[in-house]
Protein backbone atom coordinates (compact mmCIF):
# COMPACT_ATOMS: atom_id res chain seq x y z
CA MET A 1 50.24 18.31 21.93
CA LYS A 2 47.59 19.00 19.28
CA ASN A 3 49.10 16.41 16.90
CA THR A 4 49.17 13.80 19.65
CA LEU A 5 45.49 14.37 20.44
CA ILE A 6 44.55 14.12 16.75
CA PHE A 7 46.53 10.88 16.45
CA ILE A 8 44.84 9.36 19.52
CA ILE A 9 41.37 10.26 18.22
CA PHE A 10 42.22 8.86 14.78
CA MET A 11 43.48 5.59 16.27
CA ALA A 12 40.38 5.26 18.46
CA ILE A 13 38.18 5.66 15.37
CA VAL A 14 40.22 3.09 13.41
CA ILE A 15 40.08 0.57 16.27
CA GLY A 16 36.33 1.13 16.65
CA ILE A 17 35.70 0.55 12.94
CA LEU A 18 37.86 -2.57 12.91
CA SER A 19 36.04 -4.03 15.92
CA LEU A 20 32.68 -3.43 14.24
CA LEU A 21 33.87 -5.18 11.09
CA SER A 22 35.57 -8.06 12.91
CA GLY A 23 32.77 -10.55 12.32
CA THR A 24 29.51 -11.85 13.61
CA ARG A 25 28.63 -11.97 17.26
CA ALA A 26 27.66 -15.18 19.04
CA PRO A 27 23.92 -15.58 19.56
CA ARG A 28 22.66 -14.93 23.05
CA ILE A 29 21.37 -17.72 25.31
CA PRO A 30 17.58 -17.87 24.85
CA GLU A 31 15.33 -16.92 27.75
CA ASP A 32 13.19 -20.05 27.83
CA ALA A 33 12.54 -22.95 30.20
CA PHE A 34 15.29 -25.11 28.67
CA HIS A 35 17.98 -22.48 29.14
CA ALA A 36 16.86 -20.96 32.47
CA GLY A 37 19.66 -20.80 35.01
CA ILE A 38 22.46 -22.07 32.76
CA THR A 39 25.78 -20.91 34.14
CA ASP A 40 28.15 -23.72 33.23
CA ASN A 41 29.20 -25.52 30.06
CA GLY A 42 28.33 -29.03 31.26
CA VAL A 43 24.63 -28.23 31.11
CA CYS A 44 24.92 -27.03 27.50
CA LEU A 45 26.52 -30.25 26.35
CA LYS A 46 23.52 -32.32 27.46
CA CYS A 47 21.64 -31.03 24.39
CA HIS A 48 24.41 -29.65 22.15
CA ALA A 49 26.92 -32.55 22.20
CA PRO A 50 27.56 -34.62 19.04
CA GLY A 51 24.74 -37.07 18.36
CA THR A 52 22.08 -35.05 20.18
CA PRO A 53 19.11 -33.37 18.45
CA ALA A 54 20.62 -29.87 18.85
CA ALA A 55 24.25 -30.84 18.14
CA LEU A 56 26.73 -28.11 17.27
CA LYS A 57 28.13 -27.84 13.75
CA GLN A 58 31.56 -29.34 13.06
CA ASN A 59 33.08 -25.88 12.44
CA HIS A 60 31.91 -24.48 15.79
CA PRO A 61 34.87 -23.09 17.81
CA PRO A 62 35.87 -24.69 21.16
CA LYS A 63 32.90 -26.75 22.19
CA THR A 64 33.60 -26.71 25.92
CA GLU A 65 33.60 -22.96 26.56
CA CYS A 66 29.99 -21.98 25.78
CA VAL A 67 29.43 -19.19 28.28
CA ILE A 68 32.53 -17.29 27.18
CA CYS A 69 30.90 -16.33 23.86
CA HIS A 70 27.21 -16.92 24.50
CA LYS A 71 25.77 -14.52 27.06
CA ARG A 72 22.29 -14.13 28.50
CA LYS A 73 19.93 -11.73 26.80
CA ARG A 74 19.97 -8.35 28.46
CA LYS A 75 16.89 -7.62 30.50
CA ILE A 76 15.38 -4.21 29.88
CA LYS A 77 14.63 -2.39 33.10
CA GLN A 78 11.13 -1.01 33.20
CA ALA A 79 10.46 2.10 35.20
């Protein structure tokens, strides 16, 4: 039982370290007037489609699934 517990703790630490080292995180959706209320990908593509001023780079991953990676900034609750 003790060996099993040690193994589980060791694996949890290894998985945690690997997830921290797995790469960069996607930037959060800015909290400004342009991005207020965005909840669907179609709105993003109005400004970030090819040929627009804020077009995505060629190496950007799937360009039609924005809100999967990009989340809203967390609001800090004030007491």
